[in-house]
Amino acid sequence: MRKKDGCLLPETVICFLYRNRNREERSMRNLEIEREMFEWAVELIQRRYPTGWGGAGVVHTAAGHFFTSVSIDTANASAVLCIETGAMLEAHKYNERVTHCLCVVRESESAPFRVLSPCGICQERLRYWGETVQVGVTAGENALLFVPLKQLQPYHWTNAYPPEALERFAEDE
């Protein structure tokens, strides 16, 4: 935690480095990363929302960084953003390719933590980094399952265009 204007702010960037892997291997499931993402989400929920409802989003990048976020509370429900949006924007700000995305919620401090599949808008946002992004999906009680984004949308509208015609993340080689 760090102080800004007298307020304690949780760190939004948690950096972990892991062994360099080739691109194909990085796009495959990595249980260690998935478990670590879940742990970071739970820790953020417990810290930010000690009682009642809580939710946290986590993304992991090809550079080995984790970015976390929460949803903004507002009186106007149409101004609310998805829980994982802030984490996606942090990755985008630092020009890092997202490899994994996870959203975790709980209904109360005594309720179990649950994984929420990305909504349609978040799926569109994640498409910027390609269809191989691994996303946490709702898969039953206490299950932690990640699948490639393309598995959630096998008939996505981008299939009508050649890849080079779509705006997407371009990794500096």
C-alpha atoms as a PDB file:
ATOM      1  CA  MET A   1       0.000   0.000   0.000  1.00  0.00           C
ATOM      2  CA  ARG A   2       1.171   3.515  -0.679  1.00  0.00           C
ATOM      3  CA  LYS A   3      -0.093   6.896   0.449  1.00  0.00           C
ATOM      4  CA  LYS A   4      -1.429   9.555  -1.859  1.00  0.00           C
ATOM      5  CA  ASP A   5      -3.122  12.693  -0.568  1.00  0.00           C
ATOM      6  CA  GLY A   6      -3.471  11.092   2.868  1.00  0.00           C
ATOM      7  CA  CYS A   7      -5.270   7.986   1.529  1.00  0.00           C
ATOM      8  CA  LEU A   8      -3.942   4.464   1.470  1.00  0.00           C
ATOM      9  CA  LEU A   9      -4.054   3.038  -2.044  1.00  0.00           C
ATOM     10  CA  PRO A  10      -3.520  -0.622  -2.889  1.00  0.00           C
ATOM     11  CA  GLU A  11      -0.772  -1.307  -5.379  1.00  0.00           C
ATOM     12  CA  THR A  12      -2.287  -1.933  -8.797  1.00  0.00           C
ATOM     13  CA  VAL A  13       0.783  -3.446 -10.348  1.00  0.00           C
ATOM     14  CA  ILE A  14       2.184  -6.625  -8.926  1.00  0.00           C
ATOM     15  CA  CYS A  15       5.215  -7.779 -10.842  1.00  0.00           C
ATOM     16  CA  PHE A  16       6.392 -11.333 -11.028  1.00  0.00           C
ATOM     17  CA  LEU A  17       8.885 -12.636 -13.518  1.00  0.00           C
ATOM     18  CA  TYR A  18       8.857 -16.184 -14.730  1.00  0.00           C
ATOM     19  CA  ARG A  19      11.135 -18.063 -17.089  1.00  0.00           C
ATOM     20  CA  ASN A  20      10.972 -16.887 -20.684  1.00  0.00           C
ATOM     21  CA  ARG A  21       8.926 -19.236 -22.818  1.00  0.00           C
ATOM     22  CA  ASN A  22       8.351 -19.425 -26.526  1.00  0.00           C
ATOM     23  CA  ARG A  23       5.115 -17.879 -27.800  1.00  0.00           C
ATOM     24  CA  GLU A  24       3.268 -21.151 -28.270  1.00  0.00           C
ATOM     25  CA  GLU A  25       3.999 -22.263 -24.718  1.00  0.00           C
ATOM     26  CA  ARG A  26       3.007 -18.878 -23.263  1.00  0.00           C
ATOM     27  CA  SER A  27      -0.418 -19.051 -24.899  1.00  0.00           C
ATOM     28  CA  MET A  28      -1.167 -22.476 -23.386  1.00  0.00           C
ATOM     29  CA  ARG A  29      -2.636 -23.042 -19.945  1.00  0.00           C
ATOM     30  CA  ASN A  30      -0.310 -22.421 -17.052  1.00  0.00           C
ATOM     31  CA  LEU A  31      -1.761 -23.709 -13.775  1.00  0.00           C
ATOM     32  CA  GLU A  32       0.799 -21.820 -11.685  1.00  0.00           C
ATOM     33  CA  ILE A  33      -0.191 -18.476 -13.228  1.00  0.00           C
ATOM     34  CA  GLU A  34      -3.901 -19.318 -12.937  1.00  0.00           C
ATOM     35  CA  ARG A  35      -3.637 -20.206  -9.232  1.00  0.00           C
ATOM     36  CA  GLU A  36      -1.556 -17.121  -8.528  1.00  0.00           C
ATOM     37  CA  MET A  37      -4.123 -14.919 -10.283  1.00  0.00           C
ATOM     38  CA  PHE A  38      -6.885 -16.413  -8.130  1.00  0.00           C
ATOM     39  CA  GLU A  39      -4.842 -15.775  -4.971  1.00  0.00           C
ATOM     40  CA  TRP A  40      -4.244 -12.134  -5.948  1.00  0.00           C
ATOM     41  CA  ALA A  41      -7.955 -11.639  -6.654  1.00  0.00           C
ATOM     42  CA  VAL A  42      -8.980 -13.136  -3.296  1.00  0.00           C
ATOM     43  CA  GLU A  43      -6.391 -11.051  -1.431  1.00  0.00           C
ATOM     44  CA  LEU A  44      -7.571  -7.842  -3.133  1.00  0.00           C
ATOM     45  CA  ILE A  45     -11.227  -8.613  -2.381  1.00  0.00           C
ATOM     46  CA  GLN A  46     -10.472  -9.287   1.280  1.00  0.00           C
ATOM     47  CA  ARG A  47      -8.456  -6.068   1.584  1.00  0.00           C
ATOM     48  CA  ARG A  48     -10.722  -3.752  -0.453  1.00  0.00           C
ATOM     49  CA  TYR A  49     -14.063  -5.258   0.642  1.00  0.00           C
ATOM     50  CA  PRO A  50     -13.575  -6.645   4.177  1.00  0.00           C
ATOM     51  CA  THR A  51     -17.354  -7.057   4.600  1.00  0.00           C
ATOM     52  CA  GLY A  52     -20.191  -7.644   2.182  1.00  0.00           C
ATOM     53  CA  TRP A  53     -19.923  -8.096  -1.555  1.00  0.00           C
ATOM     54  CA  GLY A  54     -16.543  -7.935  -3.252  1.00  0.00           C
ATOM     55  CA  GLY A  55     -15.025  -8.448  -6.673  1.00  0.00           C
ATOM     56  CA  ALA A  56     -11.582  -8.206  -8.275  1.00  0.00           C
ATOM     57  CA  GLY A  57     -10.111  -8.590 -11.740  1.00  0.00           C
ATOM     58  CA  VAL A  58      -6.599  -9.748 -12.601  1.00  0.00           C
ATOM     59  CA  VAL A  59      -4.742  -9.912 -15.899  1.00  0.00           C
ATOM     60  CA  HIS A  60      -1.371 -11.495 -16.560  1.00  0.00           C
ATOM     61  CA  THR A  61       0.898 -10.316 -19.367  1.00  0.00           C
ATOM     62  CA  ALA A  62       3.540 -11.883 -21.582  1.00  0.00           C
ATOM     63  CA  ALA A  63       6.114  -9.777 -19.687  1.00  0.00           C
ATOM     64  CA  GLY A  64       5.215 -11.715 -16.522  1.00  0.00           C
ATOM     65  CA  HIS A  65       3.316  -8.874 -14.823  1.00  0.00           C
ATOM     66  CA  PHE A  66       0.012  -9.047 -12.962  1.00  0.00           C
ATOM     67  CA  PHE A  67      -2.378  -6.086 -12.997  1.00  0.00           C
ATOM     68  CA  THR A  68      -5.379  -5.945 -10.654  1.00  0.00           C
ATOM     69  CA  SER A  69      -8.546  -3.865 -10.521  1.00  0.00           C
ATOM     70  CA  VAL A  70     -11.963  -3.438  -8.955  1.00  0.00           C
ATOM     71  CA  SER A  71     -15.195  -1.996 -10.255  1.00  0.00           C
ATOM     72  CA  ILE A  72     -16.027   1.619  -9.510  1.00  0.00           C
ATOM     73  CA  ASP A  73     -18.964   2.207  -7.167  1.00  0.00           C
ATOM     74  CA  THR A  74     -21.338   4.831  -8.517  1.00  0.00           C
ATOM     75  CA  ALA A  75     -24.906   5.937  -7.942  1.00  0.00           C
ATOM     76  CA  ASN A  76     -25.591   5.708 -11.683  1.00  0.00           C
ATOM     77  CA  ALA A  77     -25.455   2.039 -12.708  1.00  0.00           C
ATOM     78  CA  SER A  78     -24.888   2.973 -16.366  1.00  0.00           C
ATOM     79  CA  ALA A  79     -21.509   4.479 -15.373  1.00  0.00           C
ATOM     80  CA  VAL A  80     -20.201   1.238 -13.847  1.00  0.00           C
ATOM     81  CA  LEU A  81     -17.403  -0.608 -15.641  1.00  0.00           C
ATOM     82  CA  CYS A  82     -16.657  -4.322 -15.460  1.00  0.00           C
ATOM     83  CA  ILE A  83     -14.384  -5.452 -12.642  1.00  0.00           C
ATOM     84  CA  GLU A  84     -11.470  -6.450 -14.893  1.00  0.00           C
ATOM     85  CA  THR A  85     -11.516  -3.325 -17.109  1.00  0.00           C
ATOM     86  CA  GLY A  86      -8.996  -1.405 -14.997  1.00  0.00           C
ATOM     87  CA  ALA A  87      -6.498  -4.276 -15.134  1.00  0.00           C
ATOM     88  CA  MET A  88      -6.870  -4.474 -18.934  1.00  0.00           C
ATOM     89  CA  LEU A  89      -6.284  -0.737 -19.205  1.00  0.00           C
ATOM     90  CA  GLU A  90      -3.125  -0.974 -17.080  1.00  0.00           C
ATOM     91  CA  ALA A  91      -1.726  -3.634 -19.429  1.00  0.00           C
ATOM     92  CA  HIS A  92      -2.668  -1.474 -22.410  1.00  0.00           C
ATOM     93  CA  LYS A  93      -1.063   1.598 -20.785  1.00  0.00           C
ATOM     94  CA  TYR A  94       2.236  -0.267 -20.454  1.00  0.00           C
ATOM     95  CA  ASN A  95       1.885  -1.811 -23.951  1.00  0.00           C
ATOM     96  CA  GLU A  96       1.966  -5.364 -22.608  1.00  0.00           C
ATOM     97  CA  ARG A  97       0.254  -8.327 -24.255  1.00  0.00           C
ATOM     98  CA  VAL A  98      -2.411  -9.873 -22.014  1.00  0.00           C
ATOM     99  CA  THR A  99      -2.120 -13.663 -21.783  1.00  0.00           C
ATOM    100  CA  HIS A 100      -4.701 -14.369 -19.032  1.00  0.00           C
ATOM    101  CA  CYS A 101      -7.754 -12.644 -17.534  1.00  0.00           C
ATOM    102  CA  LEU A 102      -9.751 -13.543 -14.419  1.00  0.00           C
ATOM    103  CA  CYS A 103     -12.737 -12.050 -12.566  1.00  0.00           C
ATOM    104  CA  VAL A 104     -13.571 -13.267  -9.035  1.00  0.00           C
ATOM    105  CA  VAL A 105     -16.517 -12.258  -6.804  1.00  0.00           C
ATOM    106  CA  ARG A 106     -18.129 -13.184  -3.518  1.00  0.00           C
ATOM    107  CA  GLU A 107     -21.576 -12.245  -2.221  1.00  0.00           C
ATOM    108  CA  SER A 108     -20.530 -11.663   1.403  1.00  0.00           C
ATOM    109  CA  GLU A 109     -17.474 -12.076   3.622  1.00  0.00           C
ATOM    110  CA  SER A 110     -18.660 -15.590   4.533  1.00  0.00           C
ATOM    111  CA  ALA A 111     -19.615 -16.659   0.984  1.00  0.00           C
ATOM    112  CA  PRO A 112     -17.359 -18.698  -1.290  1.00  0.00           C
ATOM    113  CA  PHE A 113     -15.368 -16.987  -4.028  1.00  0.00           C
ATOM    114  CA  ARG A 114     -16.688 -17.566  -7.551  1.00  0.00           C
ATOM    115  CA  VAL A 115     -15.162 -17.088 -10.981  1.00  0.00           C
ATOM    116  CA  LEU A 116     -17.225 -15.103 -13.488  1.00  0.00           C
ATOM    117  CA  SER A 117     -16.757 -15.688 -17.211  1.00  0.00           C
ATOM    118  CA  PRO A 118     -15.976 -12.472 -19.087  1.00  0.00           C
ATOM    119  CA  CYS A 119     -19.079 -10.695 -20.364  1.00  0.00           C
ATOM    120  CA  GLY A 120     -19.466  -9.979 -24.080  1.00  0.00           C
ATOM    121  CA  ILE A 121     -17.966  -6.494 -23.786  1.00  0.00           C
ATOM    122  CA  CYS A 122     -14.921  -7.805 -21.922  1.00  0.00           C
ATOM    123  CA  GLN A 123     -14.528 -10.543 -24.528  1.00  0.00           C
ATOM    124  CA  GLU A 124     -14.446  -7.808 -27.188  1.00  0.00           C
ATOM    125  CA  ARG A 125     -11.859  -5.865 -25.168  1.00  0.00           C
ATOM    126  CA  LEU A 126      -9.695  -8.964 -24.724  1.00  0.00           C
ATOM    127  CA  ARG A 127      -9.819  -9.725 -28.474  1.00  0.00           C
ATOM    128  CA  TYR A 128      -7.370  -6.846 -28.901  1.00  0.00           C
ATOM    129  CA  TRP A 129      -4.678  -9.242 -27.637  1.00  0.00           C
ATOM    130  CA  GLY A 130      -5.899 -12.136 -29.781  1.00  0.00           C
ATOM    131  CA  GLU A 131      -8.107 -15.160 -29.511  1.00  0.00           C
ATOM    132  CA  THR A 132      -5.567 -17.205 -27.545  1.00  0.00           C
ATOM    133  CA  VAL A 133      -5.929 -15.126 -24.351  1.00  0.00           C
ATOM    134  CA  GLN A 134      -6.754 -17.562 -21.543  1.00  0.00           C
ATOM    135  CA  VAL A 135      -9.883 -16.480 -19.631  1.00  0.00           C
ATOM    136  CA  GLY A 136     -11.253 -17.748 -16.341  1.00  0.00           C
ATOM    137  CA  VAL A 137     -14.753 -19.172 -16.804  1.00  0.00           C
ATOM    138  CA  THR A 138     -17.630 -20.137 -14.523  1.00  0.00           C
ATOM    139  CA  ALA A 139     -17.271 -23.900 -14.257  1.00  0.00           C
ATOM    140  CA  GLY A 140     -19.072 -25.110 -11.163  1.00  0.00           C
ATOM    141  CA  GLU A 141     -18.452 -24.822  -7.477  1.00  0.00           C
ATOM    142  CA  ASN A 142     -14.822 -24.205  -6.473  1.00  0.00           C
ATOM    143  CA  ALA A 143     -13.570 -24.869 -10.008  1.00  0.00           C
ATOM    144  CA  LEU A 144     -10.760 -22.819 -11.520  1.00  0.00           C
ATOM    145  CA  LEU A 145     -10.856 -23.291 -15.283  1.00  0.00           C
ATOM    146  CA  PHE A 146      -9.267 -21.173 -17.999  1.00  0.00           C
ATOM    147  CA  VAL A 147     -10.059 -21.572 -21.699  1.00  0.00           C
ATOM    148  CA  PRO A 148      -8.856 -19.711 -24.801  1.00  0.00           C
ATOM    149  CA  LEU A 149     -11.031 -16.735 -25.698  1.00  0.00           C
ATOM    150  CA  LYS A 150     -11.754 -18.275 -29.113  1.00  0.00           C
ATOM    151  CA  GLN A 151     -13.520 -21.146 -27.327  1.00  0.00           C
ATOM    152  CA  LEU A 152     -16.106 -18.706 -25.934  1.00  0.00           C
ATOM    153  CA  GLN A 153     -16.827 -17.189 -29.349  1.00  0.00           C
ATOM    154  CA  PRO A 154     -16.175 -19.724 -32.116  1.00  0.00           C
ATOM    155  CA  TYR A 155     -18.280 -17.693 -34.573  1.00  0.00           C
ATOM    156  CA  HIS A 156     -16.904 -14.265 -33.724  1.00  0.00           C
ATOM    157  CA  TRP A 157     -17.556 -11.498 -36.253  1.00  0.00           C
ATOM    158  CA  THR A 158     -13.812 -10.965 -36.809  1.00  0.00           C
ATOM    159  CA  ASN A 159     -13.724 -14.292 -38.671  1.00  0.00           C
ATOM    160  CA  ALA A 160     -15.192 -12.393 -41.644  1.00  0.00           C
ATOM    161  CA  TYR A 161     -11.966 -10.375 -42.059  1.00  0.00           C
ATOM    162  CA  PRO A 162      -8.310 -11.250 -42.656  1.00  0.00           C
ATOM    163  CA  PRO A 163      -6.219 -10.812 -39.475  1.00  0.00           C
ATOM    164  CA  GLU A 164      -4.157  -7.993 -40.986  1.00  0.00           C
ATOM    165  CA  ALA A 165      -7.342  -5.930 -41.497  1.00  0.00           C
ATOM    166  CA  LEU A 166      -8.134  -5.855 -37.763  1.00  0.00           C
ATOM    167  CA  GLU A 167      -6.690  -3.496 -35.176  1.00  0.00           C
ATOM    168  CA  ARG A 168      -4.852  -5.571 -32.627  1.00  0.00           C
ATOM    169  CA  PHE A 169      -1.859  -5.650 -30.341  1.00  0.00           C
ATOM    170  CA  ALA A 170       1.437  -5.585 -32.207  1.00  0.00           C
ATOM    171  CA  GLU A 171       4.302  -6.900 -30.158  1.00  0.00           C
ATOM    172  CA  ASP A 172       7.620  -5.160 -30.735  1.00  0.00           C
ATOM    173  CA  GLU A 173       9.987  -7.777 -32.083  1.00  0.00           C
END
